[in-house]
Amino acid sequence: MPNSTTIRKPADGDRRALEDRATMNNPTSADRNPSIVLFAAVIAMGLLAGLFYGSSVAVMPALTAADDRTLVDAMQQMIVKIENPFFFLTLFGAPALGAFALVQARRSGSAEIARWIVAGLALYTVMVIVTFAVHFPLNDELLNAGDPDRIEDLAAVRDDFVTPWVAWDIVRTLASTAAFGCLAWALLLRGRLGRAA
């Protein structure tokens, strides 16, 4: 009688277990995607924090030490130049990436990572509110003051602009730096989770 070999097909449960084991041993791009998105959010937030930090500790101290005309003229030029696609891409790209990373963290059940991302987005929101509620109106007022050479009371224009602008610039620097720290910590936790898996 000829020998017959019966090949047993793996059950659905066995097949899923094999697929899960293969995924753990060979992470796919889908598995790495949350870390990539979160890393991009950290970079974008870091760029914003660095921009505001540089303004707070170097640019504004230097300008406030200058004469009235120099400060008004320099700030008018910077206000015009800063409103460019690269700035707005970073400004709105950071929260978009952060929100996407938050959705991924929640879907994967990473509650602690999600909490740090939420904290980062909340701090980012503080920075945006300050920027739109304080700095943008002050910028518009300074631009509307016109040519520094034709402003009658240059000292008054300077004082009305500088005092609130500098004070609130410190606030948004602290907020954006803290937001960067929260997202960076979330990324670190993501890395630890990946290594543990």
N, C-alpha and C. Protein backbone atom coordinates (compact mmCIF):
# COMPACT_ATOMS: atom_id res chain seq x y z
N MET A 1 0.85 -1.18 0.00
CA MET A 1 0.00 0.00 0.00
C MET A 1 0.89 1.24 0.00
N PRO A 2 0.67 2.19 -0.92
CA PRO A 2 1.54 3.37 -0.98
C PRO A 2 1.32 4.24 0.24
N ASN A 3 2.46 4.81 0.67
CA ASN A 3 2.39 5.72 1.82
C ASN A 3 1.75 7.03 1.39
N SER A 4 0.89 7.51 2.21
CA SER A 4 0.27 8.81 1.92
C SER A 4 0.60 9.78 3.05
N THR A 5 1.02 10.95 2.66
CA THR A 5 1.39 11.97 3.66
C THR A 5 0.31 13.03 3.70
N THR A 6 -0.23 13.25 4.85
CA THR A 6 -1.29 14.25 5.01
C THR A 6 -0.67 15.55 5.50
N ILE A 7 -0.87 16.57 4.73
CA ILE A 7 -0.34 17.89 5.09
C ILE A 7 -1.44 18.67 5.78
N ARG A 8 -1.20 18.98 7.03
CA ARG A 8 -2.21 19.72 7.78
C ARG A 8 -2.01 21.22 7.59
N LYS A 9 -3.07 21.86 7.16
CA LYS A 9 -3.01 23.30 6.99
C LYS A 9 -3.12 23.97 8.36
N PRO A 10 -2.35 24.99 8.57
CA PRO A 10 -2.42 25.65 9.88
C PRO A 10 -3.78 26.30 10.09
N ALA A 11 -4.26 26.17 11.30
CA ALA A 11 -5.53 26.80 11.63
C ALA A 11 -5.36 28.31 11.61
N ASP A 12 -6.52 28.99 11.60
CA ASP A 12 -6.47 30.45 11.54
C ASP A 12 -5.70 31.03 12.71
N GLY A 13 -5.90 30.45 13.89
CA GLY A 13 -5.19 30.94 15.07
C GLY A 13 -3.70 30.74 14.95
N ASP A 14 -3.28 29.57 14.43
CA ASP A 14 -1.86 29.32 14.25
C ASP A 14 -1.26 30.26 13.22
N ARG A 15 -2.03 30.52 12.16
CA ARG A 15 -1.54 31.39 11.10
C ARG A 15 -1.32 32.81 11.63
N ARG A 16 -2.27 33.27 12.42
CA ARG A 16 -2.11 34.63 12.98
C ARG A 16 -0.93 34.70 13.93
N ALA A 17 -0.72 33.63 14.70
CA ALA A 17 0.42 33.62 15.62
C ALA A 17 1.73 33.67 14.86
N LEU A 18 1.81 32.94 13.73
CA LEU A 18 3.02 32.95 12.93
C LEU A 18 3.25 34.32 12.32
N GLU A 19 2.15 34.95 11.88
CA GLU A 19 2.29 36.29 11.29
C GLU A 19 2.74 37.30 12.32
N ASP A 20 2.16 37.19 13.55
CA ASP A 20 2.57 38.12 14.61
C ASP A 20 4.03 37.94 14.98
N ARG A 21 4.48 36.66 15.01
CA ARG A 21 5.88 36.39 15.34
C ARG A 21 6.80 36.94 14.26
N ALA A 22 6.40 36.82 13.00
CA ALA A 22 7.21 37.35 11.90
C ALA A 22 7.28 38.86 11.96
N THR A 23 6.16 39.48 12.36
CA THR A 23 6.13 40.94 12.46
C THR A 23 7.06 41.44 13.56
N MET A 24 7.09 40.67 14.69
CA MET A 24 7.97 41.07 15.79
C MET A 24 9.43 40.92 15.42
N ASN A 25 9.75 39.85 14.69
CA ASN A 25 11.14 39.62 14.32
C ASN A 25 11.60 40.53 13.19
N ASN A 26 10.68 40.93 12.33
CA ASN A 26 11.02 41.77 11.18
C ASN A 26 10.03 42.93 11.12
N PRO A 27 10.25 44.00 11.87
CA PRO A 27 9.33 45.12 11.87
C PRO A 27 9.14 45.69 10.47
N THR A 28 7.92 45.96 10.13
CA THR A 28 7.62 46.53 8.83
C THR A 28 7.65 48.04 8.91
N SER A 29 7.50 48.67 7.78
CA SER A 29 7.47 50.13 7.77
C SER A 29 6.27 50.65 8.53
N ALA A 30 5.17 49.87 8.56
CA ALA A 30 4.00 50.29 9.31
C ALA A 30 4.29 50.35 10.80
N ASP A 31 5.14 49.40 11.28
CA ASP A 31 5.50 49.40 12.69
C ASP A 31 6.39 50.58 13.03
N ARG A 32 7.23 50.99 12.10
CA ARG A 32 8.15 52.10 12.36
C ARG A 32 7.49 53.44 12.13
N ASN A 33 6.35 53.45 11.46
CA ASN A 33 5.70 54.69 11.09
C ASN A 33 5.39 55.61 12.26
N PRO A 34 4.84 55.09 13.40
CA PRO A 34 4.57 55.99 14.52
C PRO A 34 5.81 56.73 15.01
N SER A 35 6.94 56.04 15.06
CA SER A 35 8.17 56.70 15.51
C SER A 35 8.62 57.76 14.52
N ILE A 36 8.44 57.49 13.23
CA ILE A 36 8.85 58.46 12.20
C ILE A 36 8.00 59.73 12.30
N VAL A 37 6.70 59.56 12.45
CA VAL A 37 5.80 60.71 12.55
C VAL A 37 6.10 61.52 13.81
N LEU A 38 6.28 60.83 14.92
CA LEU A 38 6.59 61.52 16.17
C LEU A 38 7.94 62.22 16.10
N PHE A 39 8.91 61.59 15.45
CA PHE A 39 10.22 62.21 15.28
C PHE A 39 10.10 63.50 14.47
N ALA A 40 9.29 63.48 13.41
CA ALA A 40 9.08 64.68 12.59
C ALA A 40 8.40 65.77 13.40
N ALA A 41 7.47 65.39 14.27
CA ALA A 41 6.80 66.38 15.13
C ALA A 41 7.80 67.01 16.10
N VAL A 42 8.69 66.20 16.64
CA VAL A 42 9.73 66.72 17.55
C VAL A 42 10.63 67.71 16.82
N ILE A 43 11.03 67.38 15.61
CA ILE A 43 11.90 68.28 14.84
C ILE A 43 11.20 69.61 14.57
N ALA A 44 9.94 69.55 14.13
CA ALA A 44 9.19 70.77 13.83
C ALA A 44 9.02 71.63 15.07
N MET A 45 8.67 70.99 16.19
CA MET A 45 8.50 71.75 17.43
C MET A 45 9.83 72.31 17.91
N GLY A 46 10.90 71.57 17.70
CA GLY A 46 12.22 72.05 18.08
C GLY A 46 12.63 73.27 17.28
N LEU A 47 12.27 73.29 16.01
CA LEU A 47 12.58 74.46 15.18
C LEU A 47 11.85 75.70 15.68
N LEU A 48 10.58 75.53 16.06
CA LEU A 48 9.83 76.66 16.59
C LEU A 48 10.41 77.14 17.91
N ALA A 49 10.71 76.19 18.80
CA ALA A 49 11.28 76.55 20.09
C ALA A 49 12.62 77.26 19.91
N GLY A 50 13.43 76.77 18.99
CA GLY A 50 14.72 77.40 18.73
C GLY A 50 14.58 78.80 18.17
N LEU A 51 13.57 78.99 17.30
CA LEU A 51 13.32 80.31 16.73
C LEU A 51 12.97 81.32 17.82
N PHE A 52 12.05 80.93 18.70
CA PHE A 52 11.62 81.85 19.75
C PHE A 52 12.71 82.03 20.82
N TYR A 53 13.46 80.98 21.07
CA TYR A 53 14.56 81.08 22.04
C TYR A 53 15.61 82.08 21.54
N GLY A 54 15.97 81.96 20.27
CA GLY A 54 16.95 82.88 19.70
C GLY A 54 16.46 84.31 19.74
N SER A 55 15.16 84.48 19.50
CA SER A 55 14.58 85.82 19.56
C SER A 55 14.65 86.39 20.98
N SER A 56 14.36 85.54 21.97
CA SER A 56 14.29 86.01 23.36
C SER A 56 15.66 86.33 23.96
N VAL A 57 16.67 85.52 23.61
CA VAL A 57 17.97 85.68 24.29
C VAL A 57 19.00 86.45 23.48
N ALA A 58 18.73 86.68 22.20
CA ALA A 58 19.74 87.36 21.39
C ALA A 58 19.17 88.52 20.58
N VAL A 59 18.16 88.23 19.76
CA VAL A 59 17.66 89.25 18.83
C VAL A 59 17.05 90.43 19.58
N MET A 60 16.07 90.17 20.44
CA MET A 60 15.39 91.27 21.12
C MET A 60 16.28 92.01 22.11
N PRO A 61 17.13 91.32 22.88
CA PRO A 61 18.04 92.09 23.74
C PRO A 61 18.95 93.02 22.95
N ALA A 62 19.38 92.57 21.77
CA ALA A 62 20.25 93.42 20.95
C ALA A 62 19.48 94.62 20.40
N LEU A 63 18.25 94.38 19.97
CA LEU A 63 17.47 95.47 19.39
C LEU A 63 17.01 96.48 20.45
N THR A 64 16.67 95.99 21.63
CA THR A 64 16.25 96.92 22.68
C THR A 64 17.41 97.79 23.17
N ALA A 65 18.62 97.34 22.91
CA ALA A 65 19.79 98.15 23.26
C ALA A 65 20.12 99.18 22.19
N ALA A 66 19.46 99.06 21.03
CA ALA A 66 19.72 99.99 19.92
C ALA A 66 18.82 101.22 20.04
N ASP A 67 19.05 102.18 19.16
CA ASP A 67 18.23 103.39 19.17
C ASP A 67 16.85 103.10 18.60
N ASP A 68 15.93 104.04 18.77
CA ASP A 68 14.53 103.84 18.39
C ASP A 68 14.37 103.50 16.91
N ARG A 69 15.04 104.26 16.07
CA ARG A 69 14.88 104.05 14.63
C ARG A 69 15.38 102.68 14.21
N THR A 70 16.51 102.28 14.76
CA THR A 70 17.08 100.99 14.40
C THR A 70 16.14 99.85 14.79
N LEU A 71 15.58 99.94 16.00
CA LEU A 71 14.67 98.89 16.45
C LEU A 71 13.43 98.82 15.58
N VAL A 72 12.80 99.96 15.34
CA VAL A 72 11.56 99.98 14.55
C VAL A 72 11.81 99.49 13.14
N ASP A 73 12.86 99.96 12.52
CA ASP A 73 13.17 99.56 11.15
C ASP A 73 13.50 98.07 11.07
N ALA A 74 14.31 97.58 11.99
CA ALA A 74 14.70 96.17 11.98
C ALA A 74 13.50 95.27 12.22
N MET A 75 12.64 95.64 13.16
CA MET A 75 11.47 94.81 13.45
C MET A 75 10.49 94.82 12.29
N GLN A 76 10.32 95.94 11.64
CA GLN A 76 9.44 95.99 10.47
C GLN A 76 9.96 95.05 9.38
N GLN A 77 11.26 95.03 9.18
CA GLN A 77 11.84 94.15 8.17
C GLN A 77 11.67 92.68 8.55
N MET A 78 11.89 92.37 9.81
CA MET A 78 11.76 90.98 10.26
C MET A 78 10.32 90.49 10.18
N ILE A 79 9.38 91.37 10.52
CA ILE A 79 7.97 91.00 10.47
C ILE A 79 7.57 90.61 9.05
N VAL A 80 8.07 91.35 8.09
CA VAL A 80 7.76 91.05 6.69
C VAL A 80 8.42 89.75 6.26
N LYS A 81 9.67 89.56 6.63
CA LYS A 81 10.42 88.39 6.18
C LYS A 81 9.98 87.09 6.85
N ILE A 82 9.53 87.17 8.11
CA ILE A 82 9.18 85.94 8.83
C ILE A 82 7.92 85.31 8.28
N GLU A 83 7.06 86.09 7.68
CA GLU A 83 5.81 85.55 7.12
C GLU A 83 6.09 84.94 5.76
N ASN A 84 6.68 83.75 5.80
CA ASN A 84 7.02 83.03 4.57
C ASN A 84 6.54 81.59 4.68
N PRO A 85 6.50 80.86 3.56
CA PRO A 85 5.97 79.49 3.58
C PRO A 85 6.68 78.56 4.54
N PHE A 86 7.98 78.72 4.70
CA PHE A 86 8.74 77.84 5.58
C PHE A 86 8.31 78.00 7.04
N PHE A 87 8.09 79.26 7.45
CA PHE A 87 7.65 79.51 8.82
C PHE A 87 6.27 78.91 9.07
N PHE A 88 5.33 79.17 8.16
CA PHE A 88 3.98 78.68 8.36
C PHE A 88 3.90 77.16 8.22
N LEU A 89 4.76 76.59 7.38
CA LEU A 89 4.80 75.13 7.27
C LEU A 89 5.21 74.51 8.60
N THR A 90 6.20 75.12 9.24
CA THR A 90 6.64 74.63 10.54
C THR A 90 5.60 74.90 11.62
N LEU A 91 5.02 76.10 11.59
CA LEU A 91 4.05 76.51 12.60
C LEU A 91 2.83 75.59 12.62
N PHE A 92 2.33 75.25 11.43
CA PHE A 92 1.14 74.40 11.36
C PHE A 92 1.48 72.93 11.15
N GLY A 93 2.70 72.65 10.70
CA GLY A 93 3.10 71.26 10.51
C GLY A 93 3.36 70.56 11.83
N ALA A 94 3.91 71.29 12.81
CA ALA A 94 4.20 70.68 14.11
C ALA A 94 2.95 70.10 14.78
N PRO A 95 1.85 70.87 14.88
CA PRO A 95 0.66 70.29 15.52
C PRO A 95 0.00 69.21 14.68
N ALA A 96 0.07 69.35 13.36
CA ALA A 96 -0.52 68.32 12.49
C ALA A 96 0.19 66.98 12.69
N LEU A 97 1.50 67.03 12.71
CA LEU A 97 2.28 65.81 12.95
C LEU A 97 2.04 65.27 14.36
N GLY A 98 1.97 66.20 15.32
CA GLY A 98 1.71 65.78 16.69
C GLY A 98 0.34 65.12 16.85
N ALA A 99 -0.66 65.68 16.18
CA ALA A 99 -2.00 65.10 16.25
C ALA A 99 -2.03 63.72 15.61
N PHE A 100 -1.33 63.57 14.49
CA PHE A 100 -1.25 62.27 13.82
C PHE A 100 -0.56 61.25 14.72
N ALA A 101 0.53 61.69 15.37
CA ALA A 101 1.24 60.80 16.29
C ALA A 101 0.36 60.41 17.48
N LEU A 102 -0.49 61.34 17.91
CA LEU A 102 -1.40 61.06 19.02
C LEU A 102 -2.41 59.98 18.62
N VAL A 103 -2.96 60.11 17.44
CA VAL A 103 -3.91 59.09 16.96
C VAL A 103 -3.23 57.72 16.90
N GLN A 104 -2.01 57.68 16.40
CA GLN A 104 -1.28 56.42 16.32
C GLN A 104 -1.00 55.84 17.71
N ALA A 105 -0.65 56.70 18.66
CA ALA A 105 -0.37 56.23 20.01
C ALA A 105 -1.62 55.65 20.66
N ARG A 106 -2.74 56.30 20.46
CA ARG A 106 -3.99 55.80 21.04
C ARG A 106 -4.42 54.49 20.39
N ARG A 107 -4.24 54.38 19.10
CA ARG A 107 -4.61 53.15 18.41
C ARG A 107 -3.75 51.97 18.86
N SER A 108 -2.50 52.26 19.20
CA SER A 108 -1.60 51.19 19.62
C SER A 108 -1.72 50.91 21.12
N GLY A 109 -2.56 51.67 21.82
CA GLY A 109 -2.75 51.46 23.25
C GLY A 109 -1.64 52.02 24.12
N SER A 110 -0.84 52.95 23.56
CA SER A 110 0.27 53.54 24.31
C SER A 110 -0.24 54.77 25.07
N ALA A 111 -0.88 54.54 26.21
CA ALA A 111 -1.53 55.62 26.95
C ALA A 111 -0.53 56.65 27.46
N GLU A 112 0.61 56.19 27.97
CA GLU A 112 1.60 57.13 28.53
C GLU A 112 2.17 58.02 27.44
N ILE A 113 2.48 57.43 26.29
CA ILE A 113 2.98 58.22 25.16
C ILE A 113 1.94 59.23 24.73
N ALA A 114 0.69 58.79 24.67
CA ALA A 114 -0.40 59.69 24.26
C ALA A 114 -0.53 60.87 25.21
N ARG A 115 -0.37 60.62 26.51
CA ARG A 115 -0.49 61.71 27.48
C ARG A 115 0.59 62.77 27.28
N TRP A 116 1.81 62.35 27.00
CA TRP A 116 2.89 63.31 26.77
C TRP A 116 2.68 64.09 25.47
N ILE A 117 2.13 63.42 24.46
CA ILE A 117 1.84 64.13 23.21
C ILE A 117 0.74 65.17 23.44
N VAL A 118 -0.29 64.79 24.21
CA VAL A 118 -1.37 65.74 24.52
C VAL A 118 -0.81 66.94 25.27
N ALA A 119 0.10 66.70 26.21
CA ALA A 119 0.72 67.81 26.95
C ALA A 119 1.49 68.72 26.01
N GLY A 120 2.22 68.12 25.07
CA GLY A 120 2.96 68.92 24.11
C GLY A 120 2.05 69.75 23.23
N LEU A 121 0.95 69.17 22.79
CA LEU A 121 0.00 69.91 21.94
C LEU A 121 -0.70 71.02 22.73
N ALA A 122 -0.96 70.78 24.01
CA ALA A 122 -1.58 71.81 24.84
C ALA A 122 -0.64 73.01 25.01
N LEU A 123 0.63 72.73 25.25
CA LEU A 123 1.61 73.81 25.38
C LEU A 123 1.81 74.54 24.06
N TYR A 124 1.76 73.79 22.96
CA TYR A 124 1.83 74.42 21.64
C TYR A 124 0.66 75.38 21.46
N THR A 125 -0.52 74.95 21.91
CA THR A 125 -1.71 75.79 21.78
C THR A 125 -1.53 77.10 22.53
N VAL A 126 -0.90 77.05 23.69
CA VAL A 126 -0.61 78.28 24.45
C VAL A 126 0.27 79.21 23.61
N MET A 127 1.29 78.64 23.00
CA MET A 127 2.19 79.44 22.18
C MET A 127 1.45 80.08 21.00
N VAL A 128 0.57 79.33 20.36
CA VAL A 128 -0.17 79.85 19.21
C VAL A 128 -1.12 80.96 19.64
N ILE A 129 -1.79 80.76 20.76
CA ILE A 129 -2.72 81.79 21.25
C ILE A 129 -1.97 83.10 21.52
N VAL A 130 -0.82 82.98 22.16
CA VAL A 130 0.00 84.18 22.43
C VAL A 130 0.42 84.84 21.13
N THR A 131 0.86 84.04 20.17
CA THR A 131 1.33 84.59 18.90
C THR A 131 0.21 85.32 18.16
N PHE A 132 -0.96 84.70 18.07
CA PHE A 132 -2.05 85.30 17.31
C PHE A 132 -2.76 86.42 18.08
N ALA A 133 -2.80 86.32 19.39
CA ALA A 133 -3.52 87.32 20.18
C ALA A 133 -2.67 88.53 20.54
N VAL A 134 -1.36 88.34 20.62
CA VAL A 134 -0.49 89.42 21.05
C VAL A 134 0.48 89.86 19.95
N HIS A 135 1.28 88.94 19.47
CA HIS A 135 2.36 89.33 18.56
C HIS A 135 1.88 89.77 17.18
N PHE A 136 0.94 89.05 16.60
CA PHE A 136 0.47 89.44 15.27
C PHE A 136 -0.18 90.84 15.29
N PRO A 137 -1.05 91.16 16.26
CA PRO A 137 -1.60 92.52 16.30
C PRO A 137 -0.52 93.59 16.52
N LEU A 138 0.44 93.31 17.40
CA LEU A 138 1.53 94.27 17.61
C LEU A 138 2.35 94.44 16.33
N ASN A 139 2.58 93.35 15.63
CA ASN A 139 3.32 93.45 14.36
C ASN A 139 2.59 94.32 13.36
N ASP A 140 1.27 94.13 13.28
CA ASP A 140 0.47 94.92 12.33
C ASP A 140 0.52 96.41 12.69
N GLU A 141 0.43 96.70 13.99
CA GLU A 141 0.48 98.09 14.42
C GLU A 141 1.81 98.73 14.07
N LEU A 142 2.90 97.98 14.24
CA LEU A 142 4.22 98.53 13.93
C LEU A 142 4.37 98.77 12.44
N LEU A 143 3.88 97.84 11.63
CA LEU A 143 3.95 98.02 10.18
C LEU A 143 3.10 99.21 9.74
N ASN A 144 1.94 99.37 10.34
CA ASN A 144 1.04 100.47 9.98
C ASN A 144 1.57 101.83 10.42
N ALA A 145 2.55 101.81 11.32
CA ALA A 145 3.15 103.09 11.74
C ALA A 145 3.89 103.76 10.61
N GLY A 146 4.30 102.97 9.60
CA GLY A 146 4.93 103.53 8.42
C GLY A 146 6.44 103.63 8.49
N ASP A 147 6.99 104.39 7.58
CA ASP A 147 8.43 104.58 7.48
C ASP A 147 8.97 105.20 8.77
N PRO A 148 9.99 104.59 9.37
CA PRO A 148 10.56 105.15 10.61
C PRO A 148 11.00 106.60 10.48
N ASP A 149 11.43 106.99 9.30
CA ASP A 149 11.90 108.36 9.11
C ASP A 149 10.75 109.36 9.13
N ARG A 150 9.52 108.88 8.98
CA ARG A 150 8.36 109.78 8.93
C ARG A 150 7.48 109.67 10.17
N ILE A 151 7.86 108.82 11.11
CA ILE A 151 7.08 108.69 12.34
C ILE A 151 7.44 109.86 13.27
N GLU A 152 6.41 110.58 13.71
CA GLU A 152 6.65 111.78 14.53
C GLU A 152 7.20 111.42 15.91
N ASP A 153 6.52 110.51 16.61
CA ASP A 153 6.96 110.15 17.96
C ASP A 153 7.49 108.71 17.93
N LEU A 154 8.71 108.57 17.49
CA LEU A 154 9.31 107.25 17.31
C LEU A 154 9.48 106.52 18.66
N ALA A 155 9.79 107.28 19.70
CA ALA A 155 9.99 106.67 21.02
C ALA A 155 8.69 106.05 21.54
N ALA A 156 7.56 106.72 21.30
CA ALA A 156 6.28 106.20 21.77
C ALA A 156 5.91 104.93 21.01
N VAL A 157 6.15 104.93 19.71
CA VAL A 157 5.87 103.74 18.90
C VAL A 157 6.71 102.57 19.39
N ARG A 158 7.96 102.85 19.65
CA ARG A 158 8.88 101.81 20.15
C ARG A 158 8.39 101.25 21.48
N ASP A 159 8.05 102.13 22.42
CA ASP A 159 7.65 101.67 23.76
C ASP A 159 6.36 100.87 23.72
N ASP A 160 5.40 101.33 22.91
CA ASP A 160 4.12 100.62 22.80
C ASP A 160 4.31 99.23 22.23
N PHE A 161 5.33 99.06 21.41
CA PHE A 161 5.58 97.76 20.77
C PHE A 161 6.45 96.86 21.63
N VAL A 162 7.57 97.37 22.07
CA VAL A 162 8.61 96.54 22.68
C VAL A 162 8.18 95.90 24.00
N THR A 163 7.59 96.68 24.89
CA THR A 163 7.29 96.17 26.24
C THR A 163 6.40 94.92 26.21
N PRO A 164 5.23 94.96 25.58
CA PRO A 164 4.40 93.75 25.55
C PRO A 164 4.98 92.66 24.66
N TRP A 165 5.63 93.05 23.57
CA TRP A 165 6.16 92.05 22.63
C TRP A 165 7.23 91.19 23.30
N VAL A 166 8.15 91.82 24.00
CA VAL A 166 9.24 91.09 24.65
C VAL A 166 8.71 90.21 25.79
N ALA A 167 7.79 90.77 26.59
CA ALA A 167 7.26 90.00 27.72
C ALA A 167 6.56 88.74 27.25
N TRP A 168 5.71 88.86 26.26
CA TRP A 168 4.97 87.71 25.77
C TRP A 168 5.82 86.79 24.90
N ASP A 169 6.91 87.32 24.38
CA ASP A 169 7.84 86.47 23.64
C ASP A 169 8.49 85.45 24.58
N ILE A 170 8.75 85.87 25.80
CA ILE A 170 9.31 84.95 26.80
C ILE A 170 8.30 83.85 27.12
N VAL A 171 7.02 84.23 27.21
CA VAL A 171 5.97 83.25 27.51
C VAL A 171 5.90 82.19 26.42
N ARG A 172 5.88 82.63 25.17
CA ARG A 172 5.76 81.64 24.10
C ARG A 172 7.05 80.84 23.91
N THR A 173 8.18 81.42 24.30
CA THR A 173 9.43 80.66 24.27
C THR A 173 9.38 79.52 25.28
N LEU A 174 8.92 79.83 26.48
CA LEU A 174 8.80 78.79 27.51
C LEU A 174 7.79 77.72 27.09
N ALA A 175 6.67 78.15 26.53
CA ALA A 175 5.62 77.20 26.12
C ALA A 175 6.11 76.28 25.01
N SER A 176 6.75 76.85 23.99
CA SER A 176 7.21 76.04 22.87
C SER A 176 8.37 75.12 23.28
N THR A 177 9.22 75.60 24.18
CA THR A 177 10.32 74.75 24.66
C THR A 177 9.78 73.58 25.48
N ALA A 178 8.79 73.85 26.32
CA ALA A 178 8.17 72.78 27.09
C ALA A 178 7.44 71.80 26.18
N ALA A 179 6.80 72.31 25.14
CA ALA A 179 6.12 71.44 24.17
C ALA A 179 7.12 70.53 23.48
N PHE A 180 8.25 71.09 23.11
CA PHE A 180 9.32 70.30 22.51
C PHE A 180 9.78 69.21 23.48
N GLY A 181 9.94 69.56 24.74
CA GLY A 181 10.37 68.58 25.73
C GLY A 181 9.38 67.45 25.90
N CYS A 182 8.10 67.77 25.89
CA CYS A 182 7.07 66.74 26.03
C CYS A 182 7.09 65.77 24.85
N LEU A 183 7.18 66.32 23.64
CA LEU A 183 7.21 65.46 22.46
C LEU A 183 8.49 64.63 22.41
N ALA A 184 9.60 65.24 22.82
CA ALA A 184 10.86 64.50 22.84
C ALA A 184 10.80 63.35 23.83
N TRP A 185 10.17 63.58 24.97
CA TRP A 185 10.02 62.51 25.97
C TRP A 185 9.11 61.40 25.45
N ALA A 186 8.06 61.80 24.75
CA ALA A 186 7.17 60.81 24.14
C ALA A 186 7.92 59.95 23.13
N LEU A 187 8.80 60.59 22.36
CA LEU A 187 9.61 59.85 21.39
C LEU A 187 10.55 58.88 22.11
N LEU A 188 11.13 59.32 23.22
CA LEU A 188 12.01 58.45 23.99
C LEU A 188 11.24 57.24 24.52
N LEU A 189 10.04 57.48 25.01
CA LEU A 189 9.21 56.37 25.48
C LEU A 189 8.86 55.42 24.35
N ARG A 190 8.59 55.98 23.18
CA ARG A 190 8.31 55.15 22.01
C ARG A 190 9.50 54.26 21.68
N GLY A 191 10.70 54.82 21.75
CA GLY A 191 11.89 54.03 21.49
C GLY A 191 12.08 52.92 22.49
N ARG A 192 11.84 53.23 23.78
CA ARG A 192 11.95 52.19 24.80
C ARG A 192 10.93 51.08 24.59
N LEU A 193 9.72 51.47 24.20
CA LEU A 193 8.68 50.48 23.95
C LEU A 193 9.05 49.56 22.81
N GLY A 194 9.65 50.17 21.76
CA GLY A 194 10.07 49.37 20.61
C GLY A 194 11.18 48.38 20.96
N ARG A 195 12.12 48.83 21.79
CA ARG A 195 13.22 47.94 22.19
C ARG A 195 12.71 46.82 23.09
N ALA A 196 11.75 47.15 23.96
CA ALA A 196 11.20 46.13 24.85
C ALA A 196 10.44 45.05 24.07
N ALA A 197 9.79 45.49 22.97
CA ALA A 197 9.06 44.53 22.14
C ALA A 197 10.02 43.64 21.38
